Amino acid sequence: QVQLAESGGGLVQAGGSLRLSCAASGSTFSSYAMGWFRQAPGKEREFVASISWSGGVTYYADSVKGRVTISRDRFKNTVYLQMDSLKPEDTAVYYCAARHLSEGSFGSWGQGTQVTVSS
């Protein structure tokens, strides 16, 4: 189990940028693949982006591809989600998640950080 804490959310204008951070503690950070998910009011949680344990492979949802970059810093035990050209439909609570190499799904989750994009 790894503890995750998101930060960096806030209110931005459409077309603006935000960088979300996810600080990990409690376990070996490099042994986990990391992902970002989001959930808007009244909607189900959806996948945004993920990065492999090695940092060499990334995946993005079609809805954010080209506007979002996921990265990780092993020295700082932190995962980032750089979001550019934000749209009102990006408004949601963003969650950081971790999946250990021995797990088949994401088993650790942060508390979430609110991102609000105004038009």
PDB file of N, CA and C in Angstrom:
ATOM      1  N   GLN A   1       0.827  -1.190   0.000  1.00  0.00           N
ATOM      2  CA  GLN A   1       0.000   0.000   0.000  1.00  0.00           C
ATOM      3  C   GLN A   1       0.873   1.256   0.000  1.00  0.00           C
ATOM      4  N   VAL A   2       0.458   2.224  -0.789  1.00  0.00           N
ATOM      5  CA  VAL A   2       1.155   3.493  -0.862  1.00  0.00           C
ATOM      6  C   VAL A   2       0.146   4.610  -0.617  1.00  0.00           C
ATOM      7  N   GLN A   3       0.560   5.616   0.137  1.00  0.00           N
ATOM      8  CA  GLN A   3      -0.311   6.750   0.409  1.00  0.00           C
ATOM      9  C   GLN A   3      -0.075   7.840  -0.632  1.00  0.00           C
ATOM     10  N   LEU A   4      -1.158   8.398  -1.150  1.00  0.00           N
ATOM     11  CA  LEU A   4      -1.089   9.388  -2.209  1.00  0.00           C
ATOM     12  C   LEU A   4      -1.798  10.668  -1.794  1.00  0.00           C
ATOM     13  N   ALA A   5      -1.213  11.793  -2.142  1.00  0.00           N
ATOM     14  CA  ALA A   5      -1.784  13.089  -1.811  1.00  0.00           C
ATOM     15  C   ALA A   5      -1.687  14.018  -3.015  1.00  0.00           C
ATOM     16  N   GLU A   6      -2.840  14.381  -3.580  1.00  0.00           N
ATOM     17  CA  GLU A   6      -2.873  15.269  -4.737  1.00  0.00           C
ATOM     18  C   GLU A   6      -2.860  16.730  -4.306  1.00  0.00           C
ATOM     19  N   SER A   7      -2.361  17.568  -5.190  1.00  0.00           N
ATOM     20  CA  SER A   7      -2.377  19.000  -4.981  1.00  0.00           C
ATOM     21  C   SER A   7      -2.264  19.691  -6.334  1.00  0.00           C
ATOM     22  N   GLY A   8      -2.513  20.988  -6.354  1.00  0.00           N
ATOM     23  CA  GLY A   8      -2.352  21.760  -7.569  1.00  0.00           C
ATOM     24  C   GLY A   8      -3.636  22.127  -8.275  1.00  0.00           C
ATOM     25  N   GLY A   9      -4.762  21.613  -7.805  1.00  0.00           N
ATOM     26  CA  GLY A   9      -6.033  21.954  -8.420  1.00  0.00           C
ATOM     27  C   GLY A   9      -6.423  23.386  -8.108  1.00  0.00           C
ATOM     28  N   GLY A  10      -7.438  23.867  -8.801  1.00  0.00           N
ATOM     29  CA  GLY A  10      -7.898  25.223  -8.584  1.00  0.00           C
ATOM     30  C   GLY A  10      -8.824  25.686  -9.681  1.00  0.00           C
ATOM     31  N   LEU A  11      -9.050  26.979  -9.716  1.00  0.00           N
ATOM     32  CA  LEU A  11      -9.925  27.602 -10.708  1.00  0.00           C
ATOM     33  C   LEU A  11      -9.084  28.277 -11.782  1.00  0.00           C
ATOM     34  N   VAL A  12      -9.347  27.928 -13.031  1.00  0.00           N
ATOM     35  CA  VAL A  12      -8.632  28.532 -14.149  1.00  0.00           C
ATOM     36  C   VAL A  12      -9.610  28.892 -15.253  1.00  0.00           C
ATOM     37  N   GLN A  13      -9.201  29.821 -16.098  1.00  0.00           N
ATOM     38  CA  GLN A  13      -9.997  30.201 -17.254  1.00  0.00           C
ATOM     39  C   GLN A  13      -9.798  29.193 -18.376  1.00  0.00           C
ATOM     40  N   ALA A  14     -10.801  29.049 -19.220  1.00  0.00           N
ATOM     41  CA  ALA A  14     -10.674  28.185 -20.383  1.00  0.00           C
ATOM     42  C   ALA A  14      -9.448  28.597 -21.195  1.00  0.00           C
ATOM     43  N   GLY A  15      -8.683  27.604 -21.622  1.00  0.00           N
ATOM     44  CA  GLY A  15      -7.457  27.871 -22.349  1.00  0.00           C
ATOM     45  C   GLY A  15      -6.234  27.963 -21.461  1.00  0.00           C
ATOM     46  N   GLY A  16      -6.447  27.977 -20.158  1.00  0.00           N
ATOM     47  CA  GLY A  16      -5.354  28.072 -19.218  1.00  0.00           C
ATOM     48  C   GLY A  16      -4.713  26.728 -18.924  1.00  0.00           C
ATOM     49  N   SER A  17      -3.775  26.742 -17.979  1.00  0.00           N
ATOM     50  CA  SER A  17      -3.017  25.538 -17.645  1.00  0.00           C
ATOM     51  C   SER A  17      -2.955  25.308 -16.147  1.00  0.00           C
ATOM     52  N   LEU A  18      -2.792  24.055 -15.780  1.00  0.00           N
ATOM     53  CA  LEU A  18      -2.581  23.650 -14.402  1.00  0.00           C
ATOM     54  C   LEU A  18      -1.620  22.480 -14.375  1.00  0.00           C
ATOM     55  N   ARG A  19      -0.848  22.373 -13.317  1.00  0.00           N
ATOM     56  CA  ARG A  19      -0.019  21.200 -13.100  1.00  0.00           C
ATOM     57  C   ARG A  19      -0.405  20.567 -11.784  1.00  0.00           C
ATOM     58  N   LEU A  20      -0.960  19.374 -11.853  1.00  0.00           N
ATOM     59  CA  LEU A  20      -1.323  18.626 -10.667  1.00  0.00           C
ATOM     60  C   LEU A  20      -0.144  17.793 -10.198  1.00  0.00           C
ATOM     61  N   SER A  21      -0.016  17.659  -8.889  1.00  0.00           N
ATOM     62  CA  SER A  21       1.050  16.860  -8.310  1.00  0.00           C
ATOM     63  C   SER A  21       0.459  15.777  -7.428  1.00  0.00           C
ATOM     64  N   CYS A  22       1.133  14.655  -7.369  1.00  0.00           N
ATOM     65  CA  CYS A  22       0.721  13.544  -6.526  1.00  0.00           C
ATOM     66  C   CYS A  22       1.946  13.048  -5.781  1.00  0.00           C
ATOM     67  N   ALA A  23       1.994  13.324  -4.494  1.00  0.00           N
ATOM     68  CA  ALA A  23       3.111  12.909  -3.657  1.00  0.00           C
ATOM     69  C   ALA A  23       2.831  11.533  -3.065  1.00  0.00           C
ATOM     70  N   ALA A  24       3.769  10.624  -3.212  1.00  0.00           N
ATOM     71  CA  ALA A  24       3.611   9.259  -2.723  1.00  0.00           C
ATOM     72  C   ALA A  24       4.493   9.009  -1.511  1.00  0.00           C
ATOM     73  N   SER A  25       3.991   8.202  -0.599  1.00  0.00           N
ATOM     74  CA  SER A  25       4.752   7.838   0.587  1.00  0.00           C
ATOM     75  C   SER A  25       4.291   6.477   1.091  1.00  0.00           C
ATOM     76  N   GLY A  26       5.091   5.861   1.950  1.00  0.00           N
ATOM     77  CA  GLY A  26       4.700   4.628   2.599  1.00  0.00           C
ATOM     78  C   GLY A  26       5.152   3.342   1.931  1.00  0.00           C
ATOM     79  N   SER A  27       5.674   3.415   0.723  1.00  0.00           N
ATOM     80  CA  SER A  27       6.102   2.229   0.015  1.00  0.00           C
ATOM     81  C   SER A  27       7.149   2.595  -1.022  1.00  0.00           C
ATOM     82  N   THR A  28       7.587   1.596  -1.766  1.00  0.00           N
ATOM     83  CA  THR A  28       8.581   1.814  -2.811  1.00  0.00           C
ATOM     84  C   THR A  28       7.897   2.394  -4.036  1.00  0.00           C
ATOM     85  N   PHE A  29       8.090   3.681  -4.254  1.00  0.00           N
ATOM     86  CA  PHE A  29       7.417   4.397  -5.323  1.00  0.00           C
ATOM     87  C   PHE A  29       7.717   3.831  -6.702  1.00  0.00           C
ATOM     88  N   SER A  30       8.943   3.440  -6.934  1.00  0.00           N
ATOM     89  CA  SER A  30       9.348   2.972  -8.249  1.00  0.00           C
ATOM     90  C   SER A  30       8.721   1.639  -8.637  1.00  0.00           C
ATOM     91  N   SER A  31       8.090   0.942  -7.707  1.00  0.00           N
ATOM     92  CA  SER A  31       7.461  -0.339  -7.987  1.00  0.00           C
ATOM     93  C   SER A  31       6.016  -0.202  -8.457  1.00  0.00           C
ATOM     94  N   TYR A  32       5.540   1.014  -8.606  1.00  0.00           N
ATOM     95  CA  TYR A  32       4.140   1.274  -8.951  1.00  0.00           C
ATOM     96  C   TYR A  32       3.989   1.969 -10.289  1.00  0.00           C
ATOM     97  N   ALA A  33       3.019   1.489 -11.056  1.00  0.00           N
ATOM     98  CA  ALA A  33       2.532   2.254 -12.187  1.00  0.00           C
ATOM     99  C   ALA A  33       1.569   3.290 -11.617  1.00  0.00           C
ATOM    100  N   MET A  34       1.525   4.457 -12.212  1.00  0.00           N
ATOM    101  CA  MET A  34       0.706   5.537 -11.686  1.00  0.00           C
ATOM    102  C   MET A  34      -0.308   6.001 -12.720  1.00  0.00           C
ATOM    103  N   GLY A  35      -1.444   6.463 -12.224  1.00  0.00           N
ATOM    104  CA  GLY A  35      -2.477   6.942 -13.122  1.00  0.00           C
ATOM    105  C   GLY A  35      -3.226   8.125 -12.559  1.00  0.00           C
ATOM    106  N   TRP A  36      -3.845   8.872 -13.448  1.00  0.00           N
ATOM    107  CA  TRP A  36      -4.730   9.971 -13.081  1.00  0.00           C
ATOM    108  C   TRP A  36      -6.125   9.670 -13.611  1.00  0.00           C
ATOM    109  N   PHE A  37      -7.120   9.872 -12.774  1.00  0.00           N
ATOM    110  CA  PHE A  37      -8.520   9.707 -13.130  1.00  0.00           C
ATOM    111  C   PHE A  37      -9.273  10.964 -12.733  1.00  0.00           C
ATOM    112  N   ARG A  38     -10.469  11.126 -13.255  1.00  0.00           N
ATOM    113  CA  ARG A  38     -11.270  12.276 -12.870  1.00  0.00           C
ATOM    114  C   ARG A  38     -12.740  11.900 -12.808  1.00  0.00           C
ATOM    115  N   GLN A  39     -13.486  12.648 -12.021  1.00  0.00           N
ATOM    116  CA  GLN A  39     -14.909  12.410 -11.875  1.00  0.00           C
ATOM    117  C   GLN A  39     -15.643  13.742 -11.772  1.00  0.00           C
ATOM    118  N   ALA A  40     -16.532  13.972 -12.709  1.00  0.00           N
ATOM    119  CA  ALA A  40     -17.358  15.168 -12.704  1.00  0.00           C
ATOM    120  C   ALA A  40     -18.660  14.869 -11.968  1.00  0.00           C
ATOM    121  N   PRO A  41     -19.325  15.901 -11.433  1.00  0.00           N
ATOM    122  CA  PRO A  41     -20.585  15.685 -10.720  1.00  0.00           C
ATOM    123  C   PRO A  41     -21.606  14.936 -11.569  1.00  0.00           C
ATOM    124  N   GLY A  42     -22.187  13.880 -11.011  1.00  0.00           N
ATOM    125  CA  GLY A  42     -23.194  13.112 -11.716  1.00  0.00           C
ATOM    126  C   GLY A  42     -22.662  12.151 -12.753  1.00  0.00           C
ATOM    127  N   LYS A  43     -21.345  12.054 -12.888  1.00  0.00           N
ATOM    128  CA  LYS A  43     -20.742  11.161 -13.863  1.00  0.00           C
ATOM    129  C   LYS A  43     -19.829  10.148 -13.198  1.00  0.00           C
ATOM    130  N   GLU A  44     -19.555   9.072 -13.914  1.00  0.00           N
ATOM    131  CA  GLU A  44     -18.663   8.047 -13.404  1.00  0.00           C
ATOM    132  C   GLU A  44     -17.212   8.481 -13.541  1.00  0.00           C
ATOM    133  N   ARG A  45     -16.374   7.899 -12.725  1.00  0.00           N
ATOM    134  CA  ARG A  45     -14.951   8.170 -12.801  1.00  0.00           C
ATOM    135  C   ARG A  45     -14.408   7.701 -14.145  1.00  0.00           C
ATOM    136  N   GLU A  46     -13.548   8.496 -14.752  1.00  0.00           N
ATOM    137  CA  GLU A  46     -12.975   8.135 -16.035  1.00  0.00           C
ATOM    138  C   GLU A  46     -11.457   8.246 -16.018  1.00  0.00           C
ATOM    139  N   PHE A  47     -10.846   7.444 -16.840  1.00  0.00           N
ATOM    140  CA  PHE A  47      -9.402   7.423 -16.965  1.00  0.00           C
ATOM    141  C   PHE A  47      -8.912   8.657 -17.700  1.00  0.00           C
ATOM    142  N   VAL A  48      -7.797   9.212 -17.249  1.00  0.00           N
ATOM    143  CA  VAL A  48      -7.199  10.378 -17.890  1.00  0.00           C
ATOM    144  C   VAL A  48      -5.839  10.029 -18.495  1.00  0.00           C
ATOM    145  N   ALA A  49      -4.940   9.509 -17.665  1.00  0.00           N
ATOM    146  CA  ALA A  49      -3.591   9.196 -18.129  1.00  0.00           C
ATOM    147  C   ALA A  49      -2.915   8.224 -17.176  1.00  0.00           C
ATOM    148  N   SER A  50      -1.910   7.513 -17.667  1.00  0.00           N
ATOM    149  CA  SER A  50      -1.144   6.608 -16.820  1.00  0.00           C
ATOM    150  C   SER A  50       0.296   6.551 -17.296  1.00  0.00           C
ATOM    151  N   ILE A  51       1.169   6.119 -16.402  1.00  0.00           N
ATOM    152  CA  ILE A  51       2.584   5.990 -16.716  1.00  0.00           C
ATOM    153  C   ILE A  51       3.099   4.715 -16.064  1.00  0.00           C
ATOM    154  N   SER A  52       3.928   3.973 -16.784  1.00  0.00           N
ATOM    155  CA  SER A  52       4.427   2.701 -16.291  1.00  0.00           C
ATOM    156  C   SER A  52       5.380   2.892 -15.118  1.00  0.00           C
ATOM    157  N   TRP A  53       5.672   1.785 -14.431  1.00  0.00           N
ATOM    158  CA  TRP A  53       6.571   1.844 -13.282  1.00  0.00           C
ATOM    159  C   TRP A  53       7.947   2.365 -13.667  1.00  0.00           C
ATOM    160  N   SER A  54       8.365   2.083 -14.890  1.00  0.00           N
ATOM    161  CA  SER A  54       9.666   2.529 -15.363  1.00  0.00           C
ATOM    162  C   SER A  54       9.632   3.956 -15.902  1.00  0.00           C
ATOM    163  N   GLY A  55       8.435   4.454 -16.165  1.00  0.00           N
ATOM    164  CA  GLY A  55       8.293   5.776 -16.739  1.00  0.00           C
ATOM    165  C   GLY A  55       8.445   5.801 -18.248  1.00  0.00           C
ATOM    166  N   GLY A  56       8.638   4.629 -18.850  1.00  0.00           N
ATOM    167  CA  GLY A  56       8.894   4.561 -20.271  1.00  0.00           C
ATOM    168  C   GLY A  56       7.673   4.456 -21.158  1.00  0.00           C
ATOM    169  N   VAL A  57       6.522   4.175 -20.579  1.00  0.00           N
ATOM    170  CA  VAL A  57       5.298   4.001 -21.352  1.00  0.00           C
ATOM    171  C   VAL A  57       4.191   4.846 -20.743  1.00  0.00           C
ATOM    172  N   THR A  58       3.517   5.608 -21.569  1.00  0.00           N
ATOM    173  CA  THR A  58       2.401   6.432 -21.116  1.00  0.00           C
ATOM    174  C   THR A  58       1.169   6.185 -21.974  1.00  0.00           C
ATOM    175  N   TYR A  59      -0.001   6.395 -21.378  1.00  0.00           N
ATOM    176  CA  TYR A  59      -1.274   6.274 -22.083  1.00  0.00           C
ATOM    177  C   TYR A  59      -2.139   7.468 -21.733  1.00  0.00           C
ATOM    178  N   TYR A  60      -2.948   7.894 -22.696  1.00  0.00           N
ATOM    179  CA  TYR A  60      -3.825   9.029 -22.497  1.00  0.00           C
ATOM    180  C   TYR A  60      -5.212   8.733 -23.051  1.00  0.00           C
ATOM    181  N   ALA A  61      -6.217   9.247 -22.368  1.00  0.00           N
ATOM    182  CA  ALA A  61      -7.568   9.167 -22.891  1.00  0.00           C
ATOM    183  C   ALA A  61      -7.672  10.062 -24.120  1.00  0.00           C
ATOM    184  N   ASP A  62      -8.502   9.655 -25.072  1.00  0.00           N
ATOM    185  CA  ASP A  62      -8.660  10.432 -26.296  1.00  0.00           C
ATOM    186  C   ASP A  62      -9.122  11.863 -26.010  1.00  0.00           C
ATOM    187  N   SER A  63      -9.898  12.030 -24.965  1.00  0.00           N
ATOM    188  CA  SER A  63     -10.454  13.331 -24.649  1.00  0.00           C
ATOM    189  C   SER A  63      -9.408  14.353 -24.210  1.00  0.00           C
ATOM    190  N   VAL A  64      -8.244  13.882 -23.763  1.00  0.00           N
ATOM    191  CA  VAL A  64      -7.212  14.792 -23.280  1.00  0.00           C
ATOM    192  C   VAL A  64      -5.913  14.691 -24.061  1.00  0.00           C
ATOM    193  N   LYS A  65      -5.831  13.755 -24.976  1.00  0.00           N
ATOM    194  CA  LYS A  65      -4.611  13.544 -25.743  1.00  0.00           C
ATOM    195  C   LYS A  65      -4.198  14.824 -26.468  1.00  0.00           C
ATOM    196  N   GLY A  66      -2.933  15.177 -26.325  1.00  0.00           N
ATOM    197  CA  GLY A  66      -2.424  16.387 -26.944  1.00  0.00           C
ATOM    198  C   GLY A  66      -2.473  17.586 -26.031  1.00  0.00           C
ATOM    199  N   ARG A  67      -3.226  17.503 -24.948  1.00  0.00           N
ATOM    200  CA  ARG A  67      -3.363  18.618 -24.017  1.00  0.00           C
ATOM    201  C   ARG A  67      -2.796  18.294 -22.643  1.00  0.00           C
ATOM    202  N   VAL A  68      -2.516  17.028 -22.401  1.00  0.00           N
ATOM    203  CA  VAL A  68      -2.097  16.556 -21.088  1.00  0.00           C
ATOM    204  C   VAL A  68      -0.801  15.760 -21.186  1.00  0.00           C
ATOM    205  N   THR A  69       0.057  15.932 -20.194  1.00  0.00           N
ATOM    206  CA  THR A  69       1.299  15.173 -20.119  1.00  0.00           C
ATOM    207  C   THR A  69       1.478  14.626 -18.709  1.00  0.00           C
ATOM    208  N   ILE A  70       1.676  13.328 -18.599  1.00  0.00           N
ATOM    209  CA  ILE A  70       1.932  12.705 -17.311  1.00  0.00           C
ATOM    210  C   ILE A  70       3.423  12.398 -17.206  1.00  0.00           C
ATOM    211  N   SER A  71       3.977  12.614 -16.034  1.00  0.00           N
ATOM    212  CA  SER A  71       5.396  12.352 -15.812  1.00  0.00           C
ATOM    213  C   SER A  71       5.618  11.964 -14.360  1.00  0.00           C
ATOM    214  N   ARG A  72       6.782  11.427 -14.078  1.00  0.00           N
ATOM    215  CA  ARG A  72       7.094  11.055 -12.696  1.00  0.00           C
ATOM    216  C   ARG A  72       8.534  11.379 -12.374  1.00  0.00           C
ATOM    217  N   ASP A  73       8.772  11.726 -11.132  1.00  0.00           N
ATOM    218  CA  ASP A  73      10.096  12.042 -10.631  1.00  0.00           C
ATOM    219  C   ASP A  73      10.379  11.084  -9.486  1.00  0.00           C
ATOM    220  N   ARG A  74      11.217  10.094  -9.721  1.00  0.00           N
ATOM    221  CA  ARG A  74      11.490   9.072  -8.716  1.00  0.00           C
ATOM    222  C   ARG A  74      12.238   9.635  -7.519  1.00  0.00           C
ATOM    223  N   PHE A  75      13.075  10.634  -7.758  1.00  0.00           N
ATOM    224  CA  PHE A  75      13.828  11.233  -6.671  1.00  0.00           C
ATOM    225  C   PHE A  75      12.902  11.955  -5.696  1.00  0.00           C
ATOM    226  N   LYS A  76      11.866  12.603  -6.222  1.00  0.00           N
ATOM    227  CA  LYS A  76      10.912  13.346  -5.401  1.00  0.00           C
ATOM    228  C   LYS A  76       9.688  12.522  -5.016  1.00  0.00           C
ATOM    229  N   ASN A  77       9.603  11.284  -5.518  1.00  0.00           N
ATOM    230  CA  ASN A  77       8.444  10.430  -5.261  1.00  0.00           C
ATOM    231  C   ASN A  77       7.138  11.145  -5.616  1.00  0.00           C
ATOM    232  N   THR A  78       7.130  11.745  -6.770  1.00  0.00           N
ATOM    233  CA  THR A  78       5.994  12.553  -7.194  1.00  0.00           C
ATOM    234  C   THR A  78       5.620  12.278  -8.643  1.00  0.00           C
ATOM    235  N   VAL A  79       4.321  12.249  -8.910  1.00  0.00           N
ATOM    236  CA  VAL A  79       3.786  12.121 -10.260  1.00  0.00           C
ATOM    237  C   VAL A  79       3.079  13.421 -10.609  1.00  0.00           C
ATOM    238  N   TYR A  80       3.229  13.857 -11.845  1.00  0.00           N
ATOM    239  CA  TYR A  80       2.654  15.114 -12.272  1.00  0.00           C
ATOM    240  C   TYR A  80       1.671  14.913 -13.416  1.00  0.00           C
ATOM    241  N   LEU A  81       0.713  15.812 -13.503  1.00  0.00           N
ATOM    242  CA  LEU A  81      -0.191  15.865 -14.634  1.00  0.00           C
ATOM    243  C   LEU A  81      -0.230  17.311 -15.106  1.00  0.00           C
ATOM    244  N   GLN A  82       0.473  17.584 -16.186  1.00  0.00           N
ATOM    245  CA  GLN A  82       0.477  18.912 -16.778  1.00  0.00           C
ATOM    246  C   GLN A  82      -0.703  19.007 -17.728  1.00  0.00           C
ATOM    247  N   MET A  83      -1.576  19.970 -17.498  1.00  0.00           N
ATOM    248  CA  MET A  83      -2.767  20.146 -18.311  1.00  0.00           C
ATOM    249  C   MET A  83      -2.742  21.521 -18.961  1.00  0.00           C
ATOM    250  N   ASP A  84      -2.850  21.539 -20.265  1.00  0.00           N
ATOM    251  CA  ASP A  84      -2.853  22.771 -21.038  1.00  0.00           C
ATOM    252  C   ASP A  84      -4.134  22.872 -21.858  1.00  0.00           C
ATOM    253  N   SER A  85      -4.409  24.059 -22.346  1.00  0.00           N
ATOM    254  CA  SER A  85      -5.599  24.297 -23.169  1.00  0.00           C
ATOM    255  C   SER A  85      -6.845  23.721 -22.515  1.00  0.00           C
ATOM    256  N   LEU A  86      -7.015  24.023 -21.259  1.00  0.00           N
ATOM    257  CA  LEU A  86      -8.121  23.464 -20.492  1.00  0.00           C
ATOM    258  C   LEU A  86      -9.473  23.939 -21.013  1.00  0.00           C
ATOM    259  N   LYS A  87     -10.444  23.044 -20.930  1.00  0.00           N
ATOM    260  CA  LYS A  87     -11.802  23.308 -21.372  1.00  0.00           C
ATOM    261  C   LYS A  87     -12.762  23.165 -20.199  1.00  0.00           C
ATOM    262  N   PRO A  88     -13.930  23.809 -20.265  1.00  0.00           N
ATOM    263  CA  PRO A  88     -14.914  23.651 -19.183  1.00  0.00           C
ATOM    264  C   PRO A  88     -15.258  22.199 -18.907  1.00  0.00           C
ATOM    265  N   GLU A  89     -15.258  21.355 -19.925  1.00  0.00           N
ATOM    266  CA  GLU A  89     -15.564  19.948 -19.740  1.00  0.00           C
ATOM    267  C   GLU A  89     -14.474  19.178 -19.001  1.00  0.00           C
ATOM    268  N   ASP A  90     -13.347  19.830 -18.734  1.00  0.00           N
ATOM    269  CA  ASP A  90     -12.300  19.222 -17.926  1.00  0.00           C
ATOM    270  C   ASP A  90     -12.576  19.387 -16.435  1.00  0.00           C
ATOM    271  N   THR A  91     -13.594  20.152 -16.096  1.00  0.00           N
ATOM    272  CA  THR A  91     -13.944  20.376 -14.700  1.00  0.00           C
ATOM    273  C   THR A  91     -14.319  19.062 -14.029  1.00  0.00           C
ATOM    274  N   ALA A  92     -13.624  18.739 -12.951  1.00  0.00           N
ATOM    275  CA  ALA A  92     -13.849  17.480 -12.244  1.00  0.00           C
ATOM    276  C   ALA A  92     -12.936  17.416 -11.033  1.00  0.00           C
ATOM    277  N   VAL A  93     -13.169  16.418 -10.204  1.00  0.00           N
ATOM    278  CA  VAL A  93     -12.226  16.087  -9.154  1.00  0.00           C
ATOM    279  C   VAL A  93     -11.223  15.112  -9.753  1.00  0.00           C
ATOM    280  N   TYR A  94      -9.952  15.431  -9.648  1.00  0.00           N
ATOM    281  CA  TYR A  94      -8.901  14.603 -10.222  1.00  0.00           C
ATOM    282  C   TYR A  94      -8.247  13.762  -9.139  1.00  0.00           C
ATOM    283  N   TYR A  95      -8.139  12.468  -9.406  1.00  0.00           N
ATOM    284  CA  TYR A  95      -7.586  11.516  -8.457  1.00  0.00           C
ATOM    285  C   TYR A  95      -6.305  10.889  -8.979  1.00  0.00           C
ATOM    286  N   CYS A  96      -5.355  10.740  -8.099  1.00  0.00           N
ATOM    287  CA  CYS A  96      -4.128  10.020  -8.382  1.00  0.00           C
ATOM    288  C   CYS A  96      -4.295   8.583  -7.904  1.00  0.00           C
ATOM    289  N   ALA A  97      -3.776   7.620  -8.657  1.00  0.00           N
ATOM    290  CA  ALA A  97      -3.900   6.221  -8.295  1.00  0.00           C
ATOM    291  C   ALA A  97      -2.596   5.482  -8.562  1.00  0.00           C
ATOM    292  N   ALA A  98      -2.385   4.392  -7.823  1.00  0.00           N
ATOM    293  CA  ALA A  98      -1.167   3.594  -7.960  1.00  0.00           C
ATOM    294  C   ALA A  98      -1.499   2.123  -8.095  1.00  0.00           C
ATOM    295  N   ARG A  99      -0.730   1.425  -8.917  1.00  0.00           N
ATOM    296  CA  ARG A  99      -0.882  -0.010  -9.101  1.00  0.00           C
ATOM    297  C   ARG A  99       0.485  -0.672  -8.942  1.00  0.00           C
ATOM    298  N   HIS A 100       0.597  -1.539  -7.954  1.00  0.00           N
ATOM    299  CA  HIS A 100       1.846  -2.254  -7.734  1.00  0.00           C
ATOM    300  C   HIS A 100       2.067  -3.270  -8.846  1.00  0.00           C
ATOM    301  N   LEU A 101       3.304  -3.622  -9.073  1.00  0.00           N
ATOM    302  CA  LEU A 101       3.643  -4.590 -10.111  1.00  0.00           C
ATOM    303  C   LEU A 101       2.932  -5.921  -9.911  1.00  0.00           C
ATOM    304  N   SER A 102       2.598  -6.261  -8.670  1.00  0.00           N
ATOM    305  CA  SER A 102       1.927  -7.513  -8.361  1.00  0.00           C
ATOM    306  C   SER A 102       0.405  -7.423  -8.472  1.00  0.00           C
ATOM    307  N   GLU A 103      -0.137  -6.243  -8.732  1.00  0.00           N
ATOM    308  CA  GLU A 103      -1.574  -6.028  -8.797  1.00  0.00           C
ATOM    309  C   GLU A 103      -2.067  -5.923 -10.237  1.00  0.00           C
ATOM    310  N   GLY A 104      -3.326  -6.335 -10.434  1.00  0.00           N
ATOM    311  CA  GLY A 104      -3.921  -6.272 -11.758  1.00  0.00           C
ATOM    312  C   GLY A 104      -4.747  -5.026 -12.001  1.00  0.00           C
ATOM    313  N   SER A 105      -4.931  -4.220 -10.969  1.00  0.00           N
ATOM    314  CA  SER A 105      -5.698  -2.988 -11.086  1.00  0.00           C
ATOM    315  C   SER A 105      -5.155  -1.962 -10.107  1.00  0.00           C
ATOM    316  N   PHE A 106      -5.594  -0.723 -10.246  1.00  0.00           N
ATOM    317  CA  PHE A 106      -5.166   0.340  -9.335  1.00  0.00           C
ATOM    318  C   PHE A 106      -5.817   0.128  -7.976  1.00  0.00           C
ATOM    319  N   GLY A 107      -5.008  -0.033  -6.950  1.00  0.00           N
ATOM    320  CA  GLY A 107      -5.512  -0.336  -5.626  1.00  0.00           C
ATOM    321  C   GLY A 107      -5.349   0.760  -4.598  1.00  0.00           C
ATOM    322  N   SER A 108      -4.557   1.767  -4.896  1.00  0.00           N
ATOM    323  CA  SER A 108      -4.336   2.874  -3.973  1.00  0.00           C
ATOM    324  C   SER A 108      -4.795   4.171  -4.623  1.00  0.00           C
ATOM    325  N   TRP A 109      -5.509   4.985  -3.853  1.00  0.00           N
ATOM    326  CA  TRP A 109      -6.083   6.220  -4.384  1.00  0.00           C
ATOM    327  C   TRP A 109      -5.869   7.390  -3.443  1.00  0.00           C
ATOM    328  N   GLY A 110      -5.699   8.562  -4.021  1.00  0.00           N
ATOM    329  CA  GLY A 110      -5.608   9.775  -3.238  1.00  0.00           C
ATOM    330  C   GLY A 110      -6.994  10.308  -2.941  1.00  0.00           C
ATOM    331  N   GLN A 111      -7.054  11.421  -2.233  1.00  0.00           N
ATOM    332  CA  GLN A 111      -8.331  12.009  -1.839  1.00  0.00           C
ATOM    333  C   GLN A 111      -8.945  12.896  -2.922  1.00  0.00           C
ATOM    334  N   GLY A 112      -8.175  13.252  -3.908  1.00  0.00           N
ATOM    335  CA  GLY A 112      -8.662  14.053  -5.011  1.00  0.00           C
ATOM    336  C   GLY A 112      -8.391  15.533  -4.851  1.00  0.00           C
ATOM    337  N   THR A 113      -8.292  16.222  -5.974  1.00  0.00           N
ATOM    338  CA  THR A 113      -8.131  17.672  -5.985  1.00  0.00           C
ATOM    339  C   THR A 113      -9.060  18.257  -7.044  1.00  0.00           C
ATOM    340  N   GLN A 114      -9.754  19.317  -6.694  1.00  0.00           N
ATOM    341  CA  GLN A 114     -10.765  19.907  -7.570  1.00  0.00           C
ATOM    342  C   GLN A 114     -10.132  20.780  -8.643  1.00  0.00           C
ATOM    343  N   VAL A 115     -10.546  20.550  -9.874  1.00  0.00           N
ATOM    344  CA  VAL A 115     -10.157  21.394 -10.998  1.00  0.00           C
ATOM    345  C   VAL A 115     -11.423  21.993 -11.589  1.00  0.00           C
ATOM    346  N   THR A 116     -11.484  23.304 -11.638  1.00  0.00           N
ATOM    347  CA  THR A 116     -12.640  23.991 -12.198  1.00  0.00           C
ATOM    348  C   THR A 116     -12.180  24.916 -13.317  1.00  0.00           C
ATOM    349  N   VAL A 117     -12.748  24.727 -14.491  1.00  0.00           N
ATOM    350  CA  VAL A 117     -12.393  25.532 -15.657  1.00  0.00           C
ATOM    351  C   VAL A 117     -13.600  26.385 -16.029  1.00  0.00           C
ATOM    352  N   SER A 118     -13.449  27.677 -15.952  1.00  0.00           N
ATOM    353  CA  SER A 118     -14.536  28.591 -16.250  1.00  0.00           C
ATOM    354  C   SER A 118     -14.494  29.023 -17.707  1.00  0.00           C
ATOM    355  N   SER A 119     -15.659  29.332 -18.248  1.00  0.00           N
ATOM    356  CA  SER A 119     -15.763  29.769 -19.636  1.00  0.00           C
ATOM    357  C   SER A 119     -15.982  31.265 -19.721  1.00  0.00           C
TER     358      SER A 119
END
